[in-house]
N, C-alpha and C. Protein backbone atom coordinates (compact mmCIF):
# COMPACT_ATOMS: atom_id res chain seq x y z
N UNK A 1 82.73 132.79 149.37
CA UNK A 1 82.29 133.93 149.38
C UNK A 1 81.71 134.23 150.41
N UNK A 2 80.41 133.73 150.67
CA UNK A 2 79.44 133.96 152.03
C UNK A 2 80.49 133.47 153.02
N UNK A 3 81.01 132.20 153.03
CA UNK A 3 81.83 132.20 154.25
C UNK A 3 82.96 133.15 154.74
N UNK A 4 83.36 133.83 153.80
CA UNK A 4 84.24 135.18 154.52
C UNK A 4 83.68 136.08 155.17
N UNK A 5 82.49 136.73 154.45
CA UNK A 5 81.61 137.46 154.88
C UNK A 5 81.25 137.33 156.06
N UNK A 6 80.95 135.93 156.57
CA UNK A 6 80.64 135.38 157.90
C UNK A 6 81.47 135.65 158.98
N UNK A 7 82.87 135.57 158.54
CA UNK A 7 84.12 135.47 159.07
C UNK A 7 84.38 136.83 159.75
N UNK A 8 83.88 137.61 158.52
CA UNK A 8 84.26 139.01 158.64
C UNK A 8 83.30 139.50 159.71
N UNK A 9 82.12 139.06 159.91
CA UNK A 9 80.91 139.55 160.64
C UNK A 9 81.30 139.22 162.15
N UNK A 10 81.83 137.82 162.18
CA UNK A 10 82.05 137.20 163.33
C UNK A 10 83.40 137.95 164.17
N UNK A 11 84.37 138.74 163.26
CA UNK A 11 85.56 139.35 164.05
C UNK A 11 85.09 140.79 164.04
N UNK A 12 83.73 141.07 163.65
CA UNK A 12 83.57 142.69 163.98
C UNK A 12 83.93 143.20 163.33
N UNK A 13 84.80 143.08 162.17
CA UNK A 13 85.10 144.01 161.08
C UNK A 13 84.06 144.44 160.18
N UNK A 14 83.01 143.84 159.72
CA UNK A 14 81.68 144.15 159.19
C UNK A 14 80.64 144.53 160.37
N UNK A 15 80.19 145.56 160.64
CA UNK A 15 79.24 145.85 161.85
C UNK A 15 77.61 146.12 161.15
N UNK A 16 77.90 146.46 159.94
CA UNK A 16 76.31 146.50 159.66
C UNK A 16 76.39 146.78 157.62
N UNK A 17 74.87 146.76 157.58
CA UNK A 17 74.79 147.19 155.97
C UNK A 17 73.53 147.82 156.01
N UNK A 18 73.83 148.66 155.06
CA UNK A 18 72.90 150.11 154.89
C UNK A 18 72.99 150.44 153.40
N UNK A 19 71.98 151.26 153.04
CA UNK A 19 71.79 152.17 151.84
C UNK A 19 72.60 152.99 151.84
N UNK A 20 73.41 153.61 150.84
CA UNK A 20 73.56 155.06 150.59
C UNK A 20 73.07 155.88 149.68
N UNK A 21 72.25 156.94 150.77
CA UNK A 21 71.58 158.43 150.13
C UNK A 21 72.42 159.04 149.72
N UNK A 22 71.91 159.81 148.63
CA UNK A 22 72.44 161.01 147.92
C UNK A 22 71.56 162.18 148.67
N UNK A 23 71.99 162.67 149.66
CA UNK A 23 71.13 163.62 150.54
C UNK A 23 70.71 165.09 149.31
N UNK A 24 71.49 164.99 148.55
CA UNK A 24 70.87 166.18 146.94
C UNK A 24 69.81 165.96 146.73
N UNK A 25 69.88 164.49 146.27
CA UNK A 25 68.59 163.80 145.84
C UNK A 25 67.15 163.30 146.83
N UNK A 26 67.88 163.65 147.92
CA UNK A 26 66.48 163.41 149.14
C UNK A 26 66.02 164.66 149.54
N UNK A 27 66.59 165.91 149.01
CA UNK A 27 65.77 166.66 149.49
C UNK A 27 66.40 167.57 149.87
N UNK A 28 67.88 167.53 150.38
CA UNK A 28 68.61 168.09 151.29
C UNK A 28 69.83 168.49 150.52
N UNK A 29 69.87 169.58 149.61
CA UNK A 29 71.24 169.96 148.70
C UNK A 29 72.36 170.73 149.60
N UNK A 30 71.93 171.42 150.37
CA UNK A 30 73.26 171.86 151.16
C UNK A 30 73.78 170.97 151.88
N UNK A 31 75.29 170.71 152.22
CA UNK A 31 75.91 169.91 153.04
C UNK A 31 76.85 171.08 153.22
N UNK A 32 77.23 171.08 154.85
CA UNK A 32 78.60 171.41 155.35
C UNK A 32 79.52 170.70 156.27
N UNK A 33 80.59 170.69 156.44
CA UNK A 33 81.32 170.51 157.71
C UNK A 33 81.60 171.82 158.77
N UNK A 34 81.18 171.03 159.85
CA UNK A 34 81.21 172.33 160.52
C UNK A 34 82.36 171.93 161.96
N UNK A 35 83.03 172.40 162.00
CA UNK A 35 84.35 171.96 162.97
C UNK A 35 83.95 173.12 164.31
N UNK A 36 83.94 172.31 165.50
CA UNK A 36 84.03 173.23 166.75
C UNK A 36 84.91 173.06 167.57
N UNK A 37 85.22 174.45 168.30
CA UNK A 37 86.39 174.18 169.55
C UNK A 37 85.30 174.36 170.47
N UNK A 38 85.30 173.59 171.24
CA UNK A 38 84.29 173.52 172.48
C UNK A 38 85.35 174.06 173.81
N UNK A 39 84.80 174.72 175.17
CA UNK A 39 85.17 175.68 175.72
C UNK A 39 85.18 174.00 176.84
N UNK A 40 85.27 173.37 176.92
CA UNK A 40 85.55 172.46 177.97
C UNK A 40 84.43 170.84 177.69
N UNK A 41 84.82 170.43 178.39
CA UNK A 41 84.35 168.76 178.61
C UNK A 41 82.48 168.62 178.50
N UNK A 42 82.27 169.72 179.36
CA UNK A 42 80.56 170.03 179.66
C UNK A 42 80.09 170.24 178.07
N UNK A 43 80.69 171.18 177.46
CA UNK A 43 80.21 171.38 175.82
C UNK A 43 80.87 170.18 174.94
N UNK A 44 81.73 169.49 175.05
CA UNK A 44 82.01 168.88 174.15
C UNK A 44 80.52 167.81 174.37
N UNK A 45 80.11 167.36 175.54
CA UNK A 45 79.72 166.15 175.33
C UNK A 45 78.17 166.64 175.24
N UNK A 46 77.78 167.93 175.58
CA UNK A 46 76.56 168.84 175.11
C UNK A 46 76.65 168.71 173.24
N UNK A 47 77.48 168.66 172.68
CA UNK A 47 77.44 169.05 171.25
C UNK A 47 77.56 167.50 170.71
N UNK A 48 77.90 166.30 171.55
CA UNK A 48 77.54 164.97 171.20
C UNK A 48 75.88 164.54 170.97
N UNK A 49 75.38 165.04 172.28
CA UNK A 49 73.91 165.12 172.63
C UNK A 49 73.37 165.81 171.09
N UNK A 50 73.58 166.58 171.14
CA UNK A 50 73.07 167.55 169.96
C UNK A 50 73.04 166.62 169.05
N UNK A 51 73.86 166.38 168.41
CA UNK A 51 74.26 165.43 167.47
C UNK A 51 73.42 164.38 167.01
N UNK A 52 73.44 163.45 168.20
CA UNK A 52 72.64 162.09 168.50
C UNK A 52 71.44 162.77 168.04
N UNK A 53 70.47 164.01 168.74
CA UNK A 53 69.32 164.07 168.46
C UNK A 53 68.47 165.01 167.41
N UNK A 54 69.74 165.16 166.55
CA UNK A 54 69.27 166.13 165.54
C UNK A 54 69.74 165.54 164.17
N UNK A 55 68.53 165.20 163.35
CA UNK A 55 68.54 164.50 161.87
C UNK A 55 69.53 164.77 161.16
N UNK A 56 69.45 166.42 160.91
CA UNK A 56 70.33 166.79 160.05
C UNK A 56 71.81 166.98 160.29
N UNK A 57 72.16 166.55 161.41
CA UNK A 57 73.63 166.18 161.85
C UNK A 57 73.79 164.98 161.42
N UNK A 58 74.60 164.58 160.02
CA UNK A 58 74.78 163.19 159.55
C UNK A 58 75.92 162.37 160.72
N UNK A 59 77.16 163.27 160.78
CA UNK A 59 78.12 162.51 161.50
C UNK A 59 78.77 163.94 162.34
N UNK A 60 79.05 163.05 163.72
CA UNK A 60 80.15 163.95 164.44
C UNK A 60 81.30 162.82 165.05
N UNK A 61 82.34 163.48 164.86
CA UNK A 61 83.77 163.23 165.16
C UNK A 61 84.39 164.23 166.03
N UNK A 62 84.47 163.28 167.34
CA UNK A 62 85.55 163.94 168.20
C UNK A 62 86.60 163.57 167.64
N UNK A 63 87.63 165.05 168.04
CA UNK A 63 88.97 164.61 166.95
C UNK A 63 89.87 165.07 168.09
N UNK A 64 91.32 165.05 167.94
CA UNK A 64 92.28 165.62 168.61
C UNK A 64 92.84 167.08 167.11
N UNK A 65 93.49 168.12 167.88
CA UNK A 65 93.99 168.88 167.46
C UNK A 65 93.63 170.14 168.23
N UNK A 66 93.25 171.07 167.18
CA UNK A 66 92.99 172.68 167.79
C UNK A 66 91.32 172.37 168.06
N UNK A 67 90.77 171.45 167.08
CA UNK A 67 89.44 171.56 167.01
C UNK A 67 88.72 170.40 167.99
N UNK A 68 87.52 170.34 168.68
CA UNK A 68 87.37 169.25 169.43
C UNK A 68 85.87 168.08 168.72
N UNK A 69 85.03 168.77 167.53
CA UNK A 69 84.30 167.93 167.10
C UNK A 69 84.16 168.33 165.32
N UNK A 70 84.16 167.34 164.68
CA UNK A 70 83.81 167.72 163.56
C UNK A 70 82.49 166.97 162.88
N UNK A 71 81.41 168.02 162.12
CA UNK A 71 80.30 167.56 162.32
C UNK A 71 79.62 167.77 160.51
N UNK A 72 79.34 166.64 160.17
CA UNK A 72 79.18 166.69 158.94
C UNK A 72 77.62 167.05 158.95
N UNK A 73 76.77 167.95 158.36
CA UNK A 73 75.29 168.55 158.24
C UNK A 73 74.92 168.76 156.94
N UNK A 74 73.65 168.54 156.88
CA UNK A 74 72.93 168.76 155.64
C UNK A 74 71.75 169.73 156.15
N UNK A 75 71.43 170.40 155.26
CA UNK A 75 70.39 171.34 155.26
C UNK A 75 69.31 171.36 153.77
N UNK A 76 68.36 172.42 153.84
CA UNK A 76 67.38 172.16 152.77
C UNK A 76 67.89 173.45 151.72
N UNK A 77 68.49 174.31 152.81
CA UNK A 77 68.96 175.91 152.26
C UNK A 77 69.70 176.65 152.86
N UNK A 78 70.83 177.21 152.41
CA UNK A 78 72.03 177.86 153.71
C UNK A 78 71.65 178.59 154.66
N UNK A 79 70.07 179.34 154.50
CA UNK A 79 69.67 180.22 155.85
C UNK A 79 69.31 179.11 157.08
N UNK A 80 69.04 177.86 156.60
CA UNK A 80 68.44 176.52 157.41
C UNK A 80 69.59 176.09 158.49
N UNK A 81 70.69 176.74 157.99
CA UNK A 81 72.20 176.26 158.68
C UNK A 81 72.29 177.23 160.37
N UNK A 82 71.70 178.30 159.89
CA UNK A 82 71.86 179.64 160.82
C UNK A 82 71.73 179.45 162.39
N UNK A 83 70.50 178.54 162.75
CA UNK A 83 70.07 178.38 164.16
C UNK A 83 71.26 177.28 164.80
N UNK A 84 71.49 176.40 163.62
CA UNK A 84 72.44 175.18 164.29
C UNK A 84 73.77 176.04 164.66
N UNK A 85 74.26 176.81 163.86
CA UNK A 85 75.51 177.20 164.03
C UNK A 85 75.19 178.30 165.17
N UNK A 86 74.38 179.04 165.08
CA UNK A 86 73.85 179.77 166.47
C UNK A 86 74.08 178.84 167.97
N UNK A 87 73.54 177.60 167.44
CA UNK A 87 73.46 176.89 168.93
C UNK A 87 74.87 176.05 169.30
N UNK A 88 75.52 176.05 167.92
CA UNK A 88 76.91 175.62 168.53
C UNK A 88 78.10 176.80 168.99
N UNK A 89 77.56 177.65 168.70
CA UNK A 89 78.54 179.03 168.58
C UNK A 89 78.49 178.98 170.51
N UNK A 90 77.04 178.83 171.37
CA UNK A 90 77.13 178.85 172.76
C UNK A 90 77.84 177.98 173.29
N UNK A 91 78.33 176.96 172.56
CA UNK A 91 79.30 175.74 173.06
C UNK A 91 80.88 175.84 172.78
N UNK A 92 80.93 176.65 172.01
CA UNK A 92 82.36 177.16 171.63
C UNK A 92 83.12 177.84 170.38
N UNK A 93 83.48 177.96 169.35
CA UNK A 93 84.00 178.69 168.37
C UNK A 93 83.78 177.70 167.24
N UNK A 94 82.80 177.95 166.22
CA UNK A 94 82.62 177.30 165.42
C UNK A 94 83.53 177.38 164.10
N UNK A 95 83.31 176.95 162.90
CA UNK A 95 83.72 177.14 161.29
C UNK A 95 83.10 176.40 160.54
N UNK A 96 82.45 176.95 159.72
CA UNK A 96 81.43 176.06 158.48
C UNK A 96 82.36 176.36 157.40
N UNK A 97 82.45 174.85 156.40
CA UNK A 97 82.97 174.63 155.23
C UNK A 97 81.58 174.32 154.42
N UNK A 98 81.26 174.70 153.56
CA UNK A 98 80.06 173.91 152.59
C UNK A 98 80.92 173.28 151.60
N UNK A 99 80.11 172.35 151.36
CA UNK A 99 80.64 171.04 150.20
C UNK A 99 80.37 171.68 149.19
N UNK A 100 81.33 171.93 148.10
CA UNK A 100 80.77 172.24 146.98
C UNK A 100 80.76 171.25 145.97
N UNK A 101 81.54 170.26 146.30
CA UNK A 101 81.49 168.91 145.17
C UNK A 101 82.34 167.78 145.99
N UNK A 102 82.01 166.40 145.65
CA UNK A 102 82.82 165.62 146.70
C UNK A 102 83.05 164.64 145.34
N UNK A 103 84.40 164.79 144.91
CA UNK A 103 84.94 163.74 144.14
C UNK A 103 85.16 162.46 144.54
N UNK A 104 85.35 162.11 145.88
CA UNK A 104 84.85 160.97 146.29
C UNK A 104 84.66 160.84 147.64
N UNK A 105 83.62 160.62 147.38
CA UNK A 105 82.64 160.87 149.07
C UNK A 105 82.32 159.73 149.94
N UNK A 106 82.69 158.84 149.60
CA UNK A 106 83.08 157.57 150.60
C UNK A 106 83.54 156.46 149.93
N UNK A 107 84.57 156.18 150.35
CA UNK A 107 85.91 155.33 149.79
C UNK A 107 84.90 153.79 150.16
N UNK A 108 85.12 152.92 149.31
CA UNK A 108 85.08 151.71 149.75
C UNK A 108 85.60 150.80 150.59
N UNK A 109 85.07 149.84 151.55
CA UNK A 109 85.73 149.77 152.81
C UNK A 109 86.40 148.27 152.41
N UNK A 110 86.51 148.03 151.05
CA UNK A 110 86.78 146.30 150.71
C UNK A 110 88.27 146.43 150.75
N UNK A 111 89.20 147.70 151.17
CA UNK A 111 90.49 147.64 151.15
C UNK A 111 90.95 147.30 152.45
N UNK A 112 89.60 147.73 153.55
CA UNK A 112 89.62 147.19 154.94
C UNK A 112 89.74 146.31 155.38
N UNK A 113 88.65 145.28 154.45
CA UNK A 113 88.57 143.96 155.07
C UNK A 113 89.66 143.37 154.52
N UNK A 114 90.46 143.43 153.45
CA UNK A 114 91.52 142.79 153.01
C UNK A 114 92.80 142.80 154.05
N UNK A 115 92.92 144.52 154.71
CA UNK A 115 93.47 144.53 155.61
C UNK A 115 93.39 143.48 156.79
N UNK A 116 92.50 143.66 157.36
CA UNK A 116 91.86 143.00 158.42
C UNK A 116 92.18 141.78 158.32
N UNK A 117 92.12 141.19 157.26
CA UNK A 117 92.33 139.55 156.87
C UNK A 117 93.83 139.01 156.74
N UNK A 118 94.52 140.07 156.65
CA UNK A 118 96.08 140.12 156.36
C UNK A 118 96.53 140.18 158.13
N UNK A 119 95.89 141.03 158.62
CA UNK A 119 96.48 141.14 160.12
C UNK A 119 95.78 140.04 161.07
N UNK A 120 94.65 139.52 160.67
CA UNK A 120 94.38 138.43 161.54
C UNK A 120 95.31 136.97 161.08
N UNK A 121 95.95 136.71 159.66
CA UNK A 121 97.15 136.01 159.29
C UNK A 121 98.11 136.23 159.80
N UNK A 122 98.59 137.46 159.82
CA UNK A 122 99.85 137.78 160.61
C UNK A 122 100.04 137.42 161.83
N UNK A 123 98.75 137.94 162.58
CA UNK A 123 98.70 137.14 164.39
C UNK A 123 98.63 135.46 163.98
N UNK A 124 98.13 134.63 163.02
CA UNK A 124 98.00 133.09 163.29
C UNK A 124 99.35 132.75 162.85
N UNK A 125 99.90 133.73 161.80
CA UNK A 125 101.17 133.28 161.75
C UNK A 125 102.07 133.55 163.05
N UNK A 126 102.23 134.26 163.66
CA UNK A 126 103.01 134.54 165.01
C UNK A 126 102.68 133.79 165.85
N UNK A 127 101.42 133.61 165.82
CA UNK A 127 101.04 132.61 167.10
C UNK A 127 101.87 130.97 166.63
N UNK A 128 101.35 130.70 165.24
CA UNK A 128 102.48 129.09 164.87
C UNK A 128 103.84 129.49 164.94
N UNK A 129 104.26 130.36 164.77
CA UNK A 129 105.60 130.70 165.05
C UNK A 129 106.10 130.28 166.26
N UNK A 130 105.38 130.90 167.26
CA UNK A 130 105.56 131.01 168.80
C UNK A 130 105.30 129.55 169.62
N UNK A 131 104.44 128.60 168.93
CA UNK A 131 103.98 127.45 168.89
C UNK A 131 105.17 126.61 168.11
N UNK A 132 105.63 126.90 167.45
CA UNK A 132 107.17 125.51 166.71
C UNK A 132 108.25 125.92 167.54
N UNK A 133 108.26 127.51 168.17
CA UNK A 133 109.53 127.42 169.12
C UNK A 133 109.34 126.44 170.40
N UNK A 134 108.03 126.77 170.69
CA UNK A 134 107.99 126.00 171.96
C UNK A 134 108.39 124.46 171.64
N UNK A 135 107.46 124.01 170.71
CA UNK A 135 107.51 122.49 170.23
C UNK A 135 108.97 122.08 170.08
N UNK A 136 109.96 123.00 169.31
CA UNK A 136 111.01 122.56 169.11
C UNK A 136 111.96 122.41 170.71
N UNK A 137 111.61 123.42 171.08
CA UNK A 137 112.09 123.40 172.49
C UNK A 137 112.30 122.42 173.41
N UNK A 138 110.95 121.71 173.54
CA UNK A 138 110.82 120.36 174.27
C UNK A 138 109.42 119.75 173.17
N UNK A 139 110.26 118.91 172.67
CA UNK A 139 109.45 118.14 171.86
C UNK A 139 108.86 116.75 172.41
N UNK A 140 109.00 116.78 173.56
CA UNK A 140 107.96 115.96 174.40
C UNK A 140 107.63 114.72 173.78
N UNK A 141 108.41 113.57 173.12
CA UNK A 141 108.27 112.57 172.82
C UNK A 141 107.79 112.88 171.42
N UNK A 142 107.33 113.57 170.67
CA UNK A 142 106.87 113.63 169.68
C UNK A 142 107.94 114.20 168.27
N UNK A 143 107.98 113.41 167.09
CA UNK A 143 108.93 113.95 166.42
C UNK A 143 108.34 115.01 165.74
N UNK A 144 109.28 115.87 165.10
CA UNK A 144 108.93 117.11 164.52
C UNK A 144 107.88 117.24 163.34
N UNK A 145 108.62 116.00 162.67
CA UNK A 145 107.73 115.51 161.65
C UNK A 145 106.60 115.56 161.87
N UNK A 146 105.84 114.62 162.60
CA UNK A 146 104.76 114.30 163.10
C UNK A 146 103.91 115.15 163.57
N UNK A 147 104.62 115.91 164.48
CA UNK A 147 103.65 117.37 165.02
C UNK A 147 103.44 118.35 163.66
N UNK A 148 104.21 118.43 162.54
CA UNK A 148 104.06 119.29 160.90
C UNK A 148 102.92 118.80 160.77
N UNK A 149 102.52 117.43 160.76
CA UNK A 149 101.84 116.43 159.61
C UNK A 149 100.35 116.71 160.50
N UNK A 150 100.39 116.75 161.86
CA UNK A 150 99.16 117.01 162.67
C UNK A 150 98.54 118.38 162.25
N UNK A 151 99.23 119.44 161.95
CA UNK A 151 98.82 120.99 162.20
C UNK A 151 99.36 121.38 160.77
N UNK A 152 99.08 120.97 159.86
CA UNK A 152 100.06 121.94 158.34
C UNK A 152 99.70 122.99 158.13
N UNK A 153 98.51 123.57 159.26
CA UNK A 153 97.97 125.00 158.49
C UNK A 153 99.31 126.18 159.59
N UNK A 154 99.88 125.42 160.24
CA UNK A 154 101.09 126.15 160.68
C UNK A 154 102.44 126.23 160.14
N UNK A 155 102.60 124.80 159.30
CA UNK A 155 103.87 124.76 158.74
C UNK A 155 103.99 126.19 157.64
N UNK A 156 105.74 125.89 158.20
CA UNK A 156 106.13 127.19 157.57
C UNK A 156 106.33 127.55 156.31
N UNK A 157 105.80 128.69 155.98
CA UNK A 157 105.77 128.87 154.44
C UNK A 157 107.08 129.27 153.82
N UNK A 158 107.10 128.79 152.66
CA UNK A 158 108.20 128.66 151.72
C UNK A 158 109.10 130.18 151.22
N UNK A 159 109.87 130.55 151.47
CA UNK A 159 110.51 132.12 151.17
C UNK A 159 110.03 132.62 150.26
N UNK A 160 109.47 132.00 149.16
CA UNK A 160 108.84 133.14 147.62
C UNK A 160 107.40 133.44 148.42
N UNK A 161 106.61 132.75 149.22
CA UNK A 161 105.15 132.82 149.46
C UNK A 161 105.21 134.12 150.71
N UNK A 162 106.44 134.32 151.86
CA UNK A 162 106.77 135.01 152.68
C UNK A 162 106.83 136.48 151.69
N UNK A 163 108.07 136.42 150.94
CA UNK A 163 108.01 137.79 149.91
C UNK A 163 107.03 138.28 149.37
N UNK A 164 105.96 137.57 148.71
CA UNK A 164 104.53 138.01 148.15
C UNK A 164 103.95 138.03 149.13
N UNK A 165 103.88 137.69 150.58
CA UNK A 165 102.68 138.21 151.54
C UNK A 165 103.16 139.66 151.82
N UNK A 166 104.22 139.97 151.80
CA UNK A 166 105.17 141.25 152.49
C UNK A 166 104.99 142.27 151.45
N UNK A 167 105.06 141.78 149.98
CA UNK A 167 104.74 143.05 149.07
C UNK A 167 103.30 143.21 149.18
N UNK A 168 102.12 142.24 149.47
CA UNK A 168 101.14 142.44 149.07
C UNK A 168 100.75 143.15 150.19
N UNK A 169 100.85 143.03 151.78
CA UNK A 169 100.77 143.76 152.79
C UNK A 169 101.02 145.30 152.69
N UNK A 170 102.45 145.55 152.07
CA UNK A 170 102.91 146.92 151.88
C UNK A 170 102.32 147.55 150.54
N UNK A 171 101.51 146.75 149.81
CA UNK A 171 100.84 147.31 148.70
C UNK A 171 99.53 147.77 149.19
N UNK A 172 98.90 146.85 150.02
CA UNK A 172 97.89 147.34 150.90
C UNK A 172 98.00 148.45 151.72
N UNK A 173 98.94 148.36 152.67
CA UNK A 173 99.45 150.14 153.47
C UNK A 173 99.35 151.43 152.57
N UNK A 174 100.07 151.17 151.30
CA UNK A 174 99.88 151.90 150.39
C UNK A 174 98.68 152.71 150.00
N UNK A 175 97.61 151.87 149.63
CA UNK A 175 96.29 151.74 149.43
C UNK A 175 95.65 152.93 150.13
N UNK A 176 95.46 152.62 151.54
CA UNK A 176 94.90 153.07 152.84
C UNK A 176 95.08 154.76 152.79
């Protein structure tokens, strides 16, 4: 398990570790999403700067579509949101949606780590297939069986294993 975690860290799949804090229990019971349609690139960059410097803006996502930014914000009370909304209205058109409840607040990312491993495994498999095709084309005096003996990780998988891997990959994609 530790080797798997280290490998995912080295691949950049795991980027950091941290605690999940309940904002309501930490004294910030009001949570909202603010969508903002800015009037230009300068206003979009100003929004990103405001989000970086304001501790009550937990997340800023620059998105495509009719809106330019989606912000996740917290406040001690609804009235405390007014100055932020006024500030954002100077940069474009904003709309605020207060969070009533969060049935699924933060999905566990273990599904993503499994997906990343499958993507890496598929890339390894494709690289091995390319290498096998190259070796089969010009064997350079090395018998095919000898080459397979030297690199068993690149040996072709039995058909039933390929079917199982495909089914697992399809199942993982349906979960994401």
